[in-house]
PDB file of N, CA and C in Angstrom:
ATOM      1  N   MET A   1      77.493 110.417 116.692  1.00  0.00           N
ATOM      2  CA  MET A   1      78.924 110.261 116.493  1.00  0.00           C
ATOM      3  C   MET A   1      79.328 108.905 117.054  1.00  0.00           C
ATOM      4  N   HIS A   2      80.168 108.196 116.320  1.00  0.00           N
ATOM      5  CA  HIS A   2      80.640 106.876 116.733  1.00  0.00           C
ATOM      6  C   HIS A   2      82.063 107.010 117.267  1.00  0.00           C
ATOM      7  N   VAL A   3      82.275 106.527 118.451  1.00  0.00           N
ATOM      8  CA  VAL A   3      83.593 106.577 119.079  1.00  0.00           C
ATOM      9  C   VAL A   3      84.097 105.156 119.227  1.00  0.00           C
ATOM     10  N   ALA A   4      85.366 104.931 118.908  1.00  0.00           N
ATOM     11  CA  ALA A   4      85.959 103.601 119.039  1.00  0.00           C
ATOM     12  C   ALA A   4      85.945 103.169 120.496  1.00  0.00           C
ATOM     13  N   PRO A   5      85.605 101.914 120.742  1.00  0.00           N
ATOM     14  CA  PRO A   5      85.563 101.434 122.126  1.00  0.00           C
ATOM     15  C   PRO A   5      86.953 101.360 122.746  1.00  0.00           C
ATOM     16  N   LEU A   6      86.999 101.508 124.046  1.00  0.00           N
ATOM     17  CA  LEU A   6      88.245 101.370 124.771  1.00  0.00           C
ATOM     18  C   LEU A   6      88.578  99.893 124.916  1.00  0.00           C
ATOM     19  N   GLY A   7      89.832  99.588 125.111  1.00  0.00           N
ATOM     20  CA  GLY A   7      90.185  98.205 125.365  1.00  0.00           C
ATOM     21  C   GLY A   7      91.098  97.593 124.322  1.00  0.00           C
ATOM     22  N   GLY A   8      91.679  98.382 123.458  1.00  0.00           N
ATOM     23  CA  GLY A   8      92.673  97.862 122.527  1.00  0.00           C
ATOM     24  C   GLY A   8      92.120  97.079 121.355  1.00  0.00           C
ATOM     25  N   THR A   9      90.962  97.405 120.882  1.00  0.00           N
ATOM     26  CA  THR A   9      90.416  96.724 119.708  1.00  0.00           C
ATOM     27  C   THR A   9      90.782  97.504 118.449  1.00  0.00           C
ATOM     28  N   ALA A  10      92.046  97.744 118.270  1.00  0.00           N
ATOM     29  CA  ALA A  10      92.529  98.533 117.139  1.00  0.00           C
ATOM     30  C   ALA A  10      92.369  97.747 115.840  1.00  0.00           C
ATOM     31  N   VAL A  11      91.932  98.428 114.820  1.00  0.00           N
ATOM     32  CA  VAL A  11      91.804  97.840 113.501  1.00  0.00           C
ATOM     33  C   VAL A  11      92.863  98.494 112.627  1.00  0.00           C
ATOM     34  N   GLN A  12      93.596  97.672 111.902  1.00  0.00           N
ATOM     35  CA  GLN A  12      94.630  98.220 111.039  1.00  0.00           C
ATOM     36  C   GLN A  12      94.175  98.154 109.587  1.00  0.00           C
ATOM     37  N   ASP A  13      94.272  99.258 108.919  1.00  0.00           N
ATOM     38  CA  ASP A  13      94.002  99.322 107.492  1.00  0.00           C
ATOM     39  C   ASP A  13      95.345  99.178 106.802  1.00  0.00           C
ATOM     40  N   HIS A  14      95.622  97.992 106.293  1.00  0.00           N
ATOM     41  CA  HIS A  14      96.945  97.706 105.736  1.00  0.00           C
ATOM     42  C   HIS A  14      97.255  98.547 104.495  1.00  0.00           C
ATOM     43  N   VAL A  15      96.242  98.873 103.712  1.00  0.00           N
ATOM     44  CA  VAL A  15      96.455  99.722 102.542  1.00  0.00           C
ATOM     45  C   VAL A  15      96.858 101.123 102.992  1.00  0.00           C
ATOM     46  N   ALA A  16      96.153 101.667 103.983  1.00  0.00           N
ATOM     47  CA  ALA A  16      96.479 103.002 104.483  1.00  0.00           C
ATOM     48  C   ALA A  16      97.880 103.021 105.088  1.00  0.00           C
ATOM     49  N   LEU A  17      98.234 101.977 105.836  1.00  0.00           N
ATOM     50  CA  LEU A  17      99.572 101.918 106.422  1.00  0.00           C
ATOM     51  C   LEU A  17     100.651 101.857 105.341  1.00  0.00           C
ATOM     52  N   ALA A  18     100.407 101.118 104.266  1.00  0.00           N
ATOM     53  CA  ALA A  18     101.364 101.042 103.164  1.00  0.00           C
ATOM     54  C   ALA A  18     101.508 102.399 102.481  1.00  0.00           C
ATOM     55  N   GLU A  19     100.394 103.099 102.294  1.00  0.00           N
ATOM     56  CA  GLU A  19     100.438 104.426 101.672  1.00  0.00           C
ATOM     57  C   GLU A  19     101.194 105.419 102.556  1.00  0.00           C
ATOM     58  N   ILE A  20     100.992 105.336 103.855  1.00  0.00           N
ATOM     59  CA  ILE A  20     101.709 106.218 104.777  1.00  0.00           C
ATOM     60  C   ILE A  20     103.203 105.943 104.706  1.00  0.00           C
ATOM     61  N   GLU A  21     103.576 104.670 104.633  1.00  0.00           N
ATOM     62  CA  GLU A  21     104.991 104.315 104.530  1.00  0.00           C
ATOM     63  C   GLU A  21     105.599 104.853 103.241  1.00  0.00           C
ATOM     64  N   LEU A  22     104.865 104.734 102.123  1.00  0.00           N
ATOM     65  CA  LEU A  22     105.363 105.255 100.848  1.00  0.00           C
ATOM     66  C   LEU A  22     105.525 106.776 100.901  1.00  0.00           C
ATOM     67  N   CYS A  23     104.572 107.466 101.525  1.00  0.00           N
ATOM     68  CA  CYS A  23     104.683 108.923 101.672  1.00  0.00           C
ATOM     69  C   CYS A  23     105.917 109.283 102.492  1.00  0.00           C
ATOM     70  N   GLY A  24     106.158 108.536 103.551  1.00  0.00           N
ATOM     71  CA  GLY A  24     107.344 108.767 104.370  1.00  0.00           C
ATOM     72  C   GLY A  24     108.616 108.569 103.567  1.00  0.00           C
ATOM     73  N   ASP A  25     108.638 107.517 102.743  1.00  0.00           N
ATOM     74  CA  ASP A  25     109.808 107.270 101.892  1.00  0.00           C
ATOM     75  C   ASP A  25     110.040 108.424 100.927  1.00  0.00           C
ATOM     76  N   LEU A  26     108.954 108.961 100.365  1.00  0.00           N
ATOM     77  CA  LEU A  26     109.084 110.108  99.457  1.00  0.00           C
ATOM     78  C   LEU A  26     109.583 111.352 100.188  1.00  0.00           C
ATOM     79  N   ILE A  27     109.101 111.583 101.384  1.00  0.00           N
ATOM     80  CA  ILE A  27     109.538 112.747 102.165  1.00  0.00           C
ATOM     81  C   ILE A  27     111.021 112.640 102.481  1.00  0.00           C
ATOM     82  N   ILE A  28     111.471 111.456 102.874  1.00  0.00           N
ATOM     83  CA  ILE A  28     112.892 111.252 103.176  1.00  0.00           C
ATOM     84  C   ILE A  28     113.731 111.480 101.929  1.00  0.00           C
ATOM     85  N   ALA A  29     113.293 110.928 100.797  1.00  0.00           N
ATOM     86  CA  ALA A  29     114.040 111.106  99.555  1.00  0.00           C
ATOM     87  C   ALA A  29     114.080 112.568  99.139  1.00  0.00           C
ATOM     88  N   ALA A  30     112.967 113.267  99.287  1.00  0.00           N
ATOM     89  CA  ALA A  30     112.925 114.681  98.911  1.00  0.00           C
ATOM     90  C   ALA A  30     113.831 115.517  99.800  1.00  0.00           C
ATOM     91  N   SER A  31     113.888 115.203 101.080  1.00  0.00           N
ATOM     92  CA  SER A  31     114.730 115.985 101.983  1.00  0.00           C
ATOM     93  C   SER A  31     116.206 115.713 101.741  1.00  0.00           C
ATOM     94  N   ALA A  32     116.526 114.528 101.216  1.00  0.00           N
ATOM     95  CA  ALA A  32     117.920 114.186 100.950  1.00  0.00           C
ATOM     96  C   ALA A  32     118.376 114.613  99.554  1.00  0.00           C
ATOM     97  N   ALA A  33     117.437 114.979  98.699  1.00  0.00           N
ATOM     98  CA  ALA A  33     117.766 115.331  97.315  1.00  0.00           C
ATOM     99  C   ALA A  33     118.456 116.685  97.259  1.00  0.00           C
ATOM    100  N   GLY A  34     119.371 116.812  96.331  1.00  0.00           N
ATOM    101  CA  GLY A  34     120.088 118.063  96.155  1.00  0.00           C
ATOM    102  C   GLY A  34     119.340 119.044  95.273  1.00  0.00           C
ATOM    103  N   GLU A  35     118.293 118.585  94.636  1.00  0.00           N
ATOM    104  CA  GLU A  35     117.530 119.442  93.730  1.00  0.00           C
ATOM    105  C   GLU A  35     116.260 119.939  94.408  1.00  0.00           C
ATOM    106  N   ASP A  36     115.587 120.895  93.769  1.00  0.00           N
ATOM    107  CA  ASP A  36     114.354 121.442  94.344  1.00  0.00           C
ATOM    108  C   ASP A  36     113.227 120.428  94.373  1.00  0.00           C
ATOM    109  N   ARG A  37     113.167 119.606  93.336  1.00  0.00           N
ATOM    110  CA  ARG A  37     112.096 118.609  93.225  1.00  0.00           C
ATOM    111  C   ARG A  37     112.691 117.274  92.828  1.00  0.00           C
ATOM    112  N   LEU A  38     112.022 116.200  93.227  1.00  0.00           N
ATOM    113  CA  LEU A  38     112.437 114.884  92.775  1.00  0.00           C
ATOM    114  C   LEU A  38     112.014 114.715  91.319  1.00  0.00           C
ATOM    115  N   SER A  39     112.882 114.126  90.524  1.00  0.00           N
ATOM    116  CA  SER A  39     112.509 113.831  89.141  1.00  0.00           C
ATOM    117  C   SER A  39     111.522 112.667  89.143  1.00  0.00           C
ATOM    118  N   LEU A  40     110.822 112.499  88.038  1.00  0.00           N
ATOM    119  CA  LEU A  40     109.895 111.379  87.927  1.00  0.00           C
ATOM    120  C   LEU A  40     110.635 110.053  88.080  1.00  0.00           C
ATOM    121  N   GLU A  41     111.847 109.987  87.562  1.00  0.00           N
ATOM    122  CA  GLU A  41     112.649 108.776  87.681  1.00  0.00           C
ATOM    123  C   GLU A  41     112.998 108.505  89.145  1.00  0.00           C
ATOM    124  N   SER A  42     113.316 109.550  89.895  1.00  0.00           N
ATOM    125  CA  SER A  42     113.627 109.390  91.314  1.00  0.00           C
ATOM    126  C   SER A  42     112.409 108.925  92.094  1.00  0.00           C
ATOM    127  N   ILE A  43     111.256 109.481  91.771  1.00  0.00           N
ATOM    128  CA  ILE A  43     110.022 109.074  92.444  1.00  0.00           C
ATOM    129  C   ILE A  43     109.734 107.604  92.156  1.00  0.00           C
ATOM    130  N   ASP A  44     109.865 107.206  90.887  1.00  0.00           N
ATOM    131  CA  ASP A  44     109.646 105.808  90.525  1.00  0.00           C
ATOM    132  C   ASP A  44     110.608 104.889  91.265  1.00  0.00           C
ATOM    133  N   GLU A  45     111.854 105.328  91.424  1.00  0.00           N
ATOM    134  CA  GLU A  45     112.848 104.525  92.135  1.00  0.00           C
ATOM    135  C   GLU A  45     112.476 104.372  93.612  1.00  0.00           C
ATOM    136  N   VAL A  46     112.074 105.464  94.244  1.00  0.00           N
ATOM    137  CA  VAL A  46     111.691 105.420  95.660  1.00  0.00           C
ATOM    138  C   VAL A  46     110.477 104.518  95.853  1.00  0.00           C
ATOM    139  N   LEU A  47     109.514 104.601  94.938  1.00  0.00           N
ATOM    140  CA  LEU A  47     108.289 103.818  95.052  1.00  0.00           C
ATOM    141  C   LEU A  47     108.438 102.405  94.494  1.00  0.00           C
ATOM    142  N   LYS A  48     109.631 102.097  93.955  1.00  0.00           N
ATOM    143  CA  LYS A  48     109.930 100.758  93.415  1.00  0.00           C
ATOM    144  C   LYS A  48     108.947 100.360  92.321  1.00  0.00           C
ATOM    145  N   VAL A  49     108.679 101.310  91.426  1.00  0.00           N
ATOM    146  CA  VAL A  49     107.730 101.088  90.337  1.00  0.00           C
ATOM    147  C   VAL A  49     108.218  99.988  89.405  1.00  0.00           C
ATOM    148  N   ALA A  50     109.498  99.998  89.053  1.00  0.00           N
ATOM    149  CA  ALA A  50     110.027  98.989  88.120  1.00  0.00           C
ATOM    150  C   ALA A  50     109.901  97.588  88.698  1.00  0.00           C
ATOM    151  N   GLU A  51     110.156  97.438  90.002  1.00  0.00           N
ATOM    152  CA  GLU A  51     110.036  96.129  90.638  1.00  0.00           C
ATOM    153  C   GLU A  51     108.605  95.628  90.575  1.00  0.00           C
ATOM    154  N   GLU A  52     107.652  96.507  90.850  1.00  0.00           N
ATOM    155  CA  GLU A  52     106.244  96.109  90.831  1.00  0.00           C
ATOM    156  C   GLU A  52     105.808  95.745  89.417  1.00  0.00           C
ATOM    157  N   ARG A  53     106.249  96.515  88.432  1.00  0.00           N
ATOM    158  CA  ARG A  53     105.892  96.197  87.046  1.00  0.00           C
ATOM    159  C   ARG A  53     106.504  94.861  86.632  1.00  0.00           C
ATOM    160  N   GLY A  54     107.704  94.564  87.111  1.00  0.00           N
ATOM    161  CA  GLY A  54     108.333  93.277  86.815  1.00  0.00           C
ATOM    162  C   GLY A  54     107.542  92.122  87.415  1.00  0.00           C
ATOM    163  N   ARG A  55     107.059  92.296  88.643  1.00  0.00           N
ATOM    164  CA  ARG A  55     106.239  91.258  89.280  1.00  0.00           C
ATOM    165  C   ARG A  55     104.932  91.046  88.517  1.00  0.00           C
ATOM    166  N   GLU A  56     104.313  92.148  88.084  1.00  0.00           N
ATOM    167  CA  GLU A  56     103.068  92.034  87.329  1.00  0.00           C
ATOM    168  C   GLU A  56     103.308  91.334  86.006  1.00  0.00           C
ATOM    169  N   ARG A  57     104.420  91.668  85.351  1.00  0.00           N
ATOM    170  CA  ARG A  57     104.754  91.040  84.069  1.00  0.00           C
ATOM    171  C   ARG A  57     104.993  89.547  84.243  1.00  0.00           C
ATOM    172  N   ASP A  58     105.704  89.178  85.323  1.00  0.00           N
ATOM    173  CA  ASP A  58     105.987  87.769  85.593  1.00  0.00           C
ATOM    174  C   ASP A  58     104.718  86.993  85.916  1.00  0.00           C
ATOM    175  N   ALA A  59     103.788  87.650  86.599  1.00  0.00           N
ATOM    176  CA  ALA A  59     102.533  87.000  86.968  1.00  0.00           C
ATOM    177  C   ALA A  59     101.664  86.705  85.745  1.00  0.00           C
ATOM    178  N   HIS A  60     101.798  87.524  84.709  1.00  0.00           N
ATOM    179  CA  HIS A  60     100.980  87.347  83.519  1.00  0.00           C
ATOM    180  C   HIS A  60     101.661  86.473  82.474  1.00  0.00           C
ATOM    181  N   ALA A  61     102.897  86.091  82.705  1.00  0.00           N
ATOM    182  CA  ALA A  61     103.648  85.289  81.712  1.00  0.00           C
ATOM    183  C   ALA A  61     103.354  83.822  81.846  1.00  0.00           C
TER     184      ALA A  61
END
């Protein structure tokens, strides 16, 4: 078994941290929603899907 050494040599996985933040955003949105489930449009809005697609489109233009 490998145990992380003591002394503050923390490694950050930026992808994992971003995913955790997105999950938190979804949980907050779901708890604030008046409906039982978030619609696909609401999920896309929380995850800023349209903004990301716009950036990808601009990068390829």
